[in-house]
Amino acid sequence: MADATDKERQKEELYALDISGVEWLGAPGTSPDEERVEIAYLPEGAVAMRSSQDPQTVLRYTKAEWDAFVLGARDGEFDLK
């Protein structure tokens, strides 16, 4: 398991990564012209995420963070009540 220093280093490296040439993907059946969440796959299982309406604001997740998010979403952790 990574300690706090290792996690911080991973995040710094992730945000230093040049992602100008990545392919942004939206949900099937959506158009880049409409508002949607887009993701891009990065090296080592990392993922970048942005809104198509604000493409300059990009969040980046390590593989461990993304895996935890996906598992939580599948488990209903983010369902609106």
PDB file of N, CA and C in Angstrom:
ATOM      1  N   MET A   1       0.847  -1.181   0.000  1.00  0.00           N
ATOM      2  CA  MET A   1       0.000   0.000   0.000  1.00  0.00           C
ATOM      3  C   MET A   1       0.893   1.245   0.000  1.00  0.00           C
ATOM      4  N   ALA A   2       0.528   2.241  -0.760  1.00  0.00           N
ATOM      5  CA  ALA A   2       1.336   3.456  -0.882  1.00  0.00           C
ATOM      6  C   ALA A   2       1.159   4.343   0.341  1.00  0.00           C
ATOM      7  N   ASP A   3       2.274   4.920   0.798  1.00  0.00           N
ATOM      8  CA  ASP A   3       2.162   5.854   1.909  1.00  0.00           C
ATOM      9  C   ASP A   3       1.833   7.244   1.372  1.00  0.00           C
ATOM     10  N   ALA A   4       1.621   8.213   2.271  1.00  0.00           N
ATOM     11  CA  ALA A   4       1.194   9.561   1.880  1.00  0.00           C
ATOM     12  C   ALA A   4       2.194  10.226   0.939  1.00  0.00           C
ATOM     13  N   THR A   5       3.481  10.042   1.173  1.00  0.00           N
ATOM     14  CA  THR A   5       4.502  10.642   0.325  1.00  0.00           C
ATOM     15  C   THR A   5       4.444  10.066  -1.082  1.00  0.00           C
ATOM     16  N   ASP A   6       4.257   8.756  -1.179  1.00  0.00           N
ATOM     17  CA  ASP A   6       4.162   8.098  -2.482  1.00  0.00           C
ATOM     18  C   ASP A   6       2.918   8.560  -3.231  1.00  0.00           C
ATOM     19  N   LYS A   7       1.787   8.672  -2.532  1.00  0.00           N
ATOM     20  CA  LYS A   7       0.547   9.136  -3.160  1.00  0.00           C
ATOM     21  C   LYS A   7       0.691  10.568  -3.669  1.00  0.00           C
ATOM     22  N   GLU A   8       1.338  11.409  -2.883  1.00  0.00           N
ATOM     23  CA  GLU A   8       1.557  12.796  -3.292  1.00  0.00           C
ATOM     24  C   GLU A   8       2.437  12.860  -4.535  1.00  0.00           C
ATOM     25  N   ARG A   9       3.479  12.045  -4.566  1.00  0.00           N
ATOM     26  CA  ARG A   9       4.375  11.997  -5.732  1.00  0.00           C
ATOM     27  C   ARG A   9       3.607  11.535  -6.966  1.00  0.00           C
ATOM     28  N   GLN A  10       2.763  10.514  -6.812  1.00  0.00           N
ATOM     29  CA  GLN A  10       1.967  10.020  -7.931  1.00  0.00           C
ATOM     30  C   GLN A  10       1.058  11.116  -8.481  1.00  0.00           C
ATOM     31  N   LYS A  11       0.417  11.885  -7.602  1.00  0.00           N
ATOM     32  CA  LYS A  11      -0.473  12.958  -8.047  1.00  0.00           C
ATOM     33  C   LYS A  11       0.318  14.052  -8.762  1.00  0.00           C
ATOM     34  N   GLU A  12       1.476  14.413  -8.234  1.00  0.00           N
ATOM     35  CA  GLU A  12       2.314  15.427  -8.874  1.00  0.00           C
ATOM     36  C   GLU A  12       2.714  14.982 -10.274  1.00  0.00           C
ATOM     37  N   GLU A  13       3.127  13.740 -10.409  1.00  0.00           N
ATOM     38  CA  GLU A  13       3.510  13.209 -11.721  1.00  0.00           C
ATOM     39  C   GLU A  13       2.309  13.178 -12.669  1.00  0.00           C
ATOM     40  N   LEU A  14       1.158  12.828 -12.144  1.00  0.00           N
ATOM     41  CA  LEU A  14      -0.055  12.752 -12.953  1.00  0.00           C
ATOM     42  C   LEU A  14      -0.443  14.124 -13.486  1.00  0.00           C
ATOM     43  N   TYR A  15      -0.369  15.146 -12.639  1.00  0.00           N
ATOM     44  CA  TYR A  15      -0.730  16.497 -13.076  1.00  0.00           C
ATOM     45  C   TYR A  15       0.360  17.146 -13.929  1.00  0.00           C
ATOM     46  N   ALA A  16       1.583  16.629 -13.868  1.00  0.00           N
ATOM     47  CA  ALA A  16       2.660  17.143 -14.717  1.00  0.00           C
ATOM     48  C   ALA A  16       2.613  16.528 -16.123  1.00  0.00           C
ATOM     49  N   LEU A  17       1.872  15.462 -16.275  1.00  0.00           N
ATOM     50  CA  LEU A  17       1.777  14.743 -17.547  1.00  0.00           C
ATOM     51  C   LEU A  17       1.107  15.609 -18.613  1.00  0.00           C
ATOM     52  N   ASP A  18       1.717  15.679 -19.794  1.00  0.00           N
ATOM     53  CA  ASP A  18       1.137  16.405 -20.923  1.00  0.00           C
ATOM     54  C   ASP A  18       0.007  15.564 -21.507  1.00  0.00           C
ATOM     55  N   ILE A  19      -1.222  16.071 -21.407  1.00  0.00           N
ATOM     56  CA  ILE A  19      -2.373  15.328 -21.927  1.00  0.00           C
ATOM     57  C   ILE A  19      -3.005  16.037 -23.122  1.00  0.00           C
ATOM     58  N   SER A  20      -2.254  16.909 -23.747  1.00  0.00           N
ATOM     59  CA  SER A  20      -2.808  17.691 -24.860  1.00  0.00           C
ATOM     60  C   SER A  20      -3.252  16.828 -26.039  1.00  0.00           C
ATOM     61  N   GLY A  21      -2.705  15.638 -26.180  1.00  0.00           N
ATOM     62  CA  GLY A  21      -3.062  14.806 -27.326  1.00  0.00           C
ATOM     63  C   GLY A  21      -3.963  13.623 -27.004  1.00  0.00           C
ATOM     64  N   VAL A  22      -4.545  13.601 -25.793  1.00  0.00           N
ATOM     65  CA  VAL A  22      -5.373  12.443 -25.435  1.00  0.00           C
ATOM     66  C   VAL A  22      -6.699  12.448 -26.182  1.00  0.00           C
ATOM     67  N   GLU A  23      -7.303  11.280 -26.274  1.00  0.00           N
ATOM     68  CA  GLU A  23      -8.620  11.148 -26.890  1.00  0.00           C
ATOM     69  C   GLU A  23      -9.669  11.211 -25.783  1.00  0.00           C
ATOM     70  N   TRP A  24     -10.564  12.190 -25.869  1.00  0.00           N
ATOM     71  CA  TRP A  24     -11.633  12.354 -24.892  1.00  0.00           C
ATOM     72  C   TRP A  24     -12.848  11.551 -25.337  1.00  0.00           C
ATOM     73  N   LEU A  25     -13.390  10.766 -24.422  1.00  0.00           N
ATOM     74  CA  LEU A  25     -14.523   9.896 -24.711  1.00  0.00           C
ATOM     75  C   LEU A  25     -15.727  10.302 -23.870  1.00  0.00           C
ATOM     76  N   GLY A  26     -16.895  10.262 -24.483  1.00  0.00           N
ATOM     77  CA  GLY A  26     -18.146  10.502 -23.776  1.00  0.00           C
ATOM     78  C   GLY A  26     -18.980   9.243 -23.805  1.00  0.00           C
ATOM     79  N   ALA A  27     -20.097   9.282 -23.113  1.00  0.00           N
ATOM     80  CA  ALA A  27     -20.986   8.118 -23.093  1.00  0.00           C
ATOM     81  C   ALA A  27     -21.470   7.806 -24.503  1.00  0.00           C
ATOM     82  N   PRO A  28     -21.629   6.522 -24.805  1.00  0.00           N
ATOM     83  CA  PRO A  28     -22.143   6.154 -26.127  1.00  0.00           C
ATOM     84  C   PRO A  28     -23.476   6.843 -26.401  1.00  0.00           C
ATOM     85  N   GLY A  29     -23.639   7.319 -27.633  1.00  0.00           N
ATOM     86  CA  GLY A  29     -24.875   7.980 -28.020  1.00  0.00           C
ATOM     87  C   GLY A  29     -24.908   9.467 -27.738  1.00  0.00           C
ATOM     88  N   THR A  30     -23.822   9.999 -27.132  1.00  0.00           N
ATOM     89  CA  THR A  30     -23.766  11.436 -26.885  1.00  0.00           C
ATOM     90  C   THR A  30     -22.899  12.098 -27.940  1.00  0.00           C
ATOM     91  N   SER A  31     -23.091  13.386 -28.091  1.00  0.00           N
ATOM     92  CA  SER A  31     -22.348  14.157 -29.072  1.00  0.00           C
ATOM     93  C   SER A  31     -21.412  15.130 -28.357  1.00  0.00           C
ATOM     94  N   PRO A  32     -20.238  15.383 -28.910  1.00  0.00           N
ATOM     95  CA  PRO A  32     -19.337  16.370 -28.309  1.00  0.00           C
ATOM     96  C   PRO A  32     -19.958  17.765 -28.205  1.00  0.00           C
ATOM     97  N   ASP A  33     -21.026  18.009 -28.972  1.00  0.00           N
ATOM     98  CA  ASP A  33     -21.686  19.314 -28.944  1.00  0.00           C
ATOM     99  C   ASP A  33     -22.576  19.503 -27.717  1.00  0.00           C
ATOM    100  N   GLU A  34     -22.986  18.404 -27.082  1.00  0.00           N
ATOM    101  CA  GLU A  34     -23.878  18.508 -25.931  1.00  0.00           C
ATOM    102  C   GLU A  34     -23.088  18.438 -24.627  1.00  0.00           C
ATOM    103  N   GLU A  35     -23.713  18.903 -23.553  1.00  0.00           N
ATOM    104  CA  GLU A  35     -23.047  18.842 -22.252  1.00  0.00           C
ATOM    105  C   GLU A  35     -22.945  17.387 -21.810  1.00  0.00           C
ATOM    106  N   ARG A  36     -21.741  16.973 -21.469  1.00  0.00           N
ATOM    107  CA  ARG A  36     -21.502  15.600 -21.043  1.00  0.00           C
ATOM    108  C   ARG A  36     -20.195  15.520 -20.276  1.00  0.00           C
ATOM    109  N   VAL A  37     -20.031  14.464 -19.532  1.00  0.00           N
ATOM    110  CA  VAL A  37     -18.765  14.177 -18.872  1.00  0.00           C
ATOM    111  C   VAL A  37     -17.917  13.396 -19.859  1.00  0.00           C
ATOM    112  N   GLU A  38     -16.650  13.769 -19.950  1.00  0.00           N
ATOM    113  CA  GLU A  38     -15.723  13.087 -20.850  1.00  0.00           C
ATOM    114  C   GLU A  38     -14.553  12.546 -20.032  1.00  0.00           C
ATOM    115  N   ILE A  39     -14.049  11.387 -20.433  1.00  0.00           N
ATOM    116  CA  ILE A  39     -12.871  10.829 -19.786  1.00  0.00           C
ATOM    117  C   ILE A  39     -11.815  10.520 -20.839  1.00  0.00           C
ATOM    118  N   ALA A  40     -10.581  10.475 -20.367  1.00  0.00           N
ATOM    119  CA  ALA A  40      -9.457  10.089 -21.213  1.00  0.00           C
ATOM    120  C   ALA A  40      -8.602   9.120 -20.412  1.00  0.00           C
ATOM    121  N   TYR A  41      -8.199   8.039 -21.060  1.00  0.00           N
ATOM    122  CA  TYR A  41      -7.353   7.063 -20.397  1.00  0.00           C
ATOM    123  C   TYR A  41      -5.901   7.523 -20.489  1.00  0.00           C
ATOM    124  N   LEU A  42      -5.215   7.476 -19.346  1.00  0.00           N
ATOM    125  CA  LEU A  42      -3.829   7.923 -19.236  1.00  0.00           C
ATOM    126  C   LEU A  42      -2.936   6.720 -18.924  1.00  0.00           C
ATOM    127  N   PRO A  43      -1.622   6.908 -18.977  1.00  0.00           N
ATOM    128  CA  PRO A  43      -0.702   5.802 -18.681  1.00  0.00           C
ATOM    129  C   PRO A  43      -0.913   5.228 -17.276  1.00  0.00           C
ATOM    130  N   GLU A  44      -0.582   3.970 -17.123  1.00  0.00           N
ATOM    131  CA  GLU A  44      -0.616   3.253 -15.844  1.00  0.00           C
ATOM    132  C   GLU A  44      -2.007   3.182 -15.232  1.00  0.00           C
ATOM    133  N   GLY A  45      -3.047   3.194 -16.071  1.00  0.00           N
ATOM    134  CA  GLY A  45      -4.407   3.037 -15.588  1.00  0.00           C
ATOM    135  C   GLY A  45      -5.046   4.294 -15.038  1.00  0.00           C
ATOM    136  N   ALA A  46      -4.348   5.410 -15.109  1.00  0.00           N
ATOM    137  CA  ALA A  46      -4.902   6.676 -14.628  1.00  0.00           C
ATOM    138  C   ALA A  46      -5.975   7.175 -15.604  1.00  0.00           C
ATOM    139  N   VAL A  47      -6.811   8.085 -15.120  1.00  0.00           N
ATOM    140  CA  VAL A  47      -7.905   8.614 -15.928  1.00  0.00           C
ATOM    141  C   VAL A  47      -8.016  10.117 -15.699  1.00  0.00           C
ATOM    142  N   ALA A  48      -8.297  10.857 -16.770  1.00  0.00           N
ATOM    143  CA  ALA A  48      -8.603  12.282 -16.677  1.00  0.00           C
ATOM    144  C   ALA A  48     -10.095  12.447 -16.950  1.00  0.00           C
ATOM    145  N   MET A  49     -10.726  13.415 -16.286  1.00  0.00           N
ATOM    146  CA  MET A  49     -12.152  13.639 -16.469  1.00  0.00           C
ATOM    147  C   MET A  49     -12.414  15.141 -16.553  1.00  0.00           C
ATOM    148  N   ARG A  50     -13.351  15.515 -17.429  1.00  0.00           N
ATOM    149  CA  ARG A  50     -13.719  16.915 -17.599  1.00  0.00           C
ATOM    150  C   ARG A  50     -15.166  17.016 -18.059  1.00  0.00           C
ATOM    151  N   SER A  51     -15.694  18.229 -18.012  1.00  0.00           N
ATOM    152  CA  SER A  51     -17.003  18.521 -18.584  1.00  0.00           C
ATOM    153  C   SER A  51     -16.767  19.058 -19.988  1.00  0.00           C
ATOM    154  N   SER A  52     -17.598  18.648 -20.928  1.00  0.00           N
ATOM    155  CA  SER A  52     -17.453  19.161 -22.290  1.00  0.00           C
ATOM    156  C   SER A  52     -17.721  20.661 -22.342  1.00  0.00           C
ATOM    157  N   GLN A  53     -18.439  21.192 -21.351  1.00  0.00           N
ATOM    158  CA  GLN A  53     -18.741  22.620 -21.305  1.00  0.00           C
ATOM    159  C   GLN A  53     -17.603  23.437 -20.692  1.00  0.00           C
ATOM    160  N   ASP A  54     -16.656  22.772 -20.019  1.00  0.00           N
ATOM    161  CA  ASP A  54     -15.509  23.435 -19.400  1.00  0.00           C
ATOM    162  C   ASP A  54     -14.271  22.573 -19.618  1.00  0.00           C
ATOM    163  N   PRO A  55     -13.821  22.440 -20.864  1.00  0.00           N
ATOM    164  CA  PRO A  55     -12.736  21.510 -21.167  1.00  0.00           C
ATOM    165  C   PRO A  55     -11.377  21.891 -20.584  1.00  0.00           C
ATOM    166  N   GLN A  56     -11.233  23.107 -20.100  1.00  0.00           N
ATOM    167  CA  GLN A  56      -9.952  23.520 -19.521  1.00  0.00           C
ATOM    168  C   GLN A  56      -9.777  23.013 -18.089  1.00  0.00           C
ATOM    169  N   THR A  57     -10.883  22.696 -17.417  1.00  0.00           N
ATOM    170  CA  THR A  57     -10.822  22.183 -16.047  1.00  0.00           C
ATOM    171  C   THR A  57     -10.814  20.661 -16.116  1.00  0.00           C
ATOM    172  N   VAL A  58      -9.670  20.081 -15.804  1.00  0.00           N
ATOM    173  CA  VAL A  58      -9.495  18.630 -15.929  1.00  0.00           C
ATOM    174  C   VAL A  58      -9.070  18.059 -14.576  1.00  0.00           C
ATOM    175  N   LEU A  59      -9.806  17.061 -14.129  1.00  0.00           N
ATOM    176  CA  LEU A  59      -9.445  16.331 -12.919  1.00  0.00           C
ATOM    177  C   LEU A  59      -8.721  15.065 -13.340  1.00  0.00           C
ATOM    178  N   ARG A  60      -7.726  14.674 -12.558  1.00  0.00           N
ATOM    179  CA  ARG A  60      -6.944  13.484 -12.894  1.00  0.00           C
ATOM    180  C   ARG A  60      -6.955  12.532 -11.705  1.00  0.00           C
ATOM    181  N   TYR A  61      -7.132  11.260 -12.002  1.00  0.00           N
ATOM    182  CA  TYR A  61      -7.236  10.242 -10.976  1.00  0.00           C
ATOM    183  C   TYR A  61      -6.236   9.133 -11.218  1.00  0.00           C
ATOM    184  N   THR A  62      -5.572   8.705 -10.154  1.00  0.00           N
ATOM    185  CA  THR A  62      -4.689   7.549 -10.258  1.00  0.00           C
ATOM    186  C   THR A  62      -5.552   6.315 -10.497  1.00  0.00           C
ATOM    187  N   LYS A  63      -4.936   5.218 -10.864  1.00  0.00           N
ATOM    188  CA  LYS A  63      -5.674   3.971 -11.076  1.00  0.00           C
ATOM    189  C   LYS A  63      -6.435   3.584  -9.815  1.00  0.00           C
ATOM    190  N   ALA A  64      -5.800   3.679  -8.655  1.00  0.00           N
ATOM    191  CA  ALA A  64      -6.456   3.307  -7.395  1.00  0.00           C
ATOM    192  C   ALA A  64      -7.661   4.201  -7.122  1.00  0.00           C
ATOM    193  N   GLU A  65      -7.525   5.505  -7.349  1.00  0.00           N
ATOM    194  CA  GLU A  65      -8.649   6.428  -7.134  1.00  0.00           C
ATOM    195  C   GLU A  65      -9.794   6.122  -8.098  1.00  0.00           C
ATOM    196  N   TRP A  66      -9.458   5.901  -9.369  1.00  0.00           N
ATOM    197  CA  TRP A  66     -10.491   5.618 -10.364  1.00  0.00           C
ATOM    198  C   TRP A  66     -11.200   4.303 -10.057  1.00  0.00           C
ATOM    199  N   ASP A  67     -10.435   3.287  -9.697  1.00  0.00           N
ATOM    200  CA  ASP A  67     -11.042   1.996  -9.357  1.00  0.00           C
ATOM    201  C   ASP A  67     -12.005   2.144  -8.180  1.00  0.00           C
ATOM    202  N   ALA A  68     -11.616   2.910  -7.161  1.00  0.00           N
ATOM    203  CA  ALA A  68     -12.482   3.130  -5.996  1.00  0.00           C
ATOM    204  C   ALA A  68     -13.746   3.872  -6.409  1.00  0.00           C
ATOM    205  N   PHE A  69     -13.616   4.862  -7.281  1.00  0.00           N
ATOM    206  CA  PHE A  69     -14.779   5.608  -7.762  1.00  0.00           C
ATOM    207  C   PHE A  69     -15.743   4.702  -8.523  1.00  0.00           C
ATOM    208  N   VAL A  70     -15.220   3.926  -9.454  1.00  0.00           N
ATOM    209  CA  VAL A  70     -16.059   3.043 -10.273  1.00  0.00           C
ATOM    210  C   VAL A  70     -16.771   2.021  -9.389  1.00  0.00           C
ATOM    211  N   LEU A  71     -16.050   1.426  -8.454  1.00  0.00           N
ATOM    212  CA  LEU A  71     -16.677   0.456  -7.555  1.00  0.00           C
ATOM    213  C   LEU A  71     -17.784   1.113  -6.730  1.00  0.00           C
ATOM    214  N   GLY A  72     -17.541   2.321  -6.253  1.00  0.00           N
ATOM    215  CA  GLY A  72     -18.558   3.039  -5.488  1.00  0.00           C
ATOM    216  C   GLY A  72     -19.775   3.363  -6.327  1.00  0.00           C
ATOM    217  N   ALA A  73     -19.553   3.779  -7.560  1.00  0.00           N
ATOM    218  CA  ALA A  73     -20.677   4.091  -8.456  1.00  0.00           C
ATOM    219  C   ALA A  73     -21.492   2.838  -8.744  1.00  0.00           C
ATOM    220  N   ARG A  74     -20.830   1.734  -8.990  1.00  0.00           N
ATOM    221  CA  ARG A  74     -21.537   0.476  -9.257  1.00  0.00           C
ATOM    222  C   ARG A  74     -22.329  -0.003  -8.045  1.00  0.00           C
ATOM    223  N   ASP A  75     -21.828   0.344  -6.857  1.00  0.00           N
ATOM    224  CA  ASP A  75     -22.468  -0.070  -5.618  1.00  0.00           C
ATOM    225  C   ASP A  75     -23.580   0.889  -5.187  1.00  0.00           C
ATOM    226  N   GLY A  76     -23.805   1.952  -5.986  1.00  0.00           N
ATOM    227  CA  GLY A  76     -24.879   2.904  -5.674  1.00  0.00           C
ATOM    228  C   GLY A  76     -24.476   3.992  -4.704  1.00  0.00           C
ATOM    229  N   GLU A  77     -23.200   4.113  -4.417  1.00  0.00           N
ATOM    230  CA  GLU A  77     -22.712   5.093  -3.449  1.00  0.00           C
ATOM    231  C   GLU A  77     -23.075   6.528  -3.817  1.00  0.00           C
ATOM    232  N   PHE A  78     -23.248   6.797  -5.094  1.00  0.00           N
ATOM    233  CA  PHE A  78     -23.505   8.155  -5.549  1.00  0.00           C
ATOM    234  C   PHE A  78     -24.935   8.363  -6.041  1.00  0.00           C
ATOM    235  N   ASP A  79     -25.789   7.372  -5.834  1.00  0.00           N
ATOM    236  CA  ASP A  79     -27.189   7.507  -6.263  1.00  0.00           C
ATOM    237  C   ASP A  79     -27.873   8.623  -5.491  1.00  0.00           C
ATOM    238  N   LEU A  80     -28.643   9.423  -6.193  1.00  0.00           N
ATOM    239  CA  LEU A  80     -29.407  10.485  -5.536  1.00  0.00           C
ATOM    240  C   LEU A  80     -30.607   9.870  -4.845  1.00  0.00           C
ATOM    241  N   LYS A  81     -30.897  10.357  -3.688  1.00  0.00           N
ATOM    242  CA  LYS A  81     -32.046   9.847  -2.918  1.00  0.00           C
ATOM    243  C   LYS A  81     -33.304  10.579  -3.305  1.00  0.00           C
TER     244      LYS A  81
END
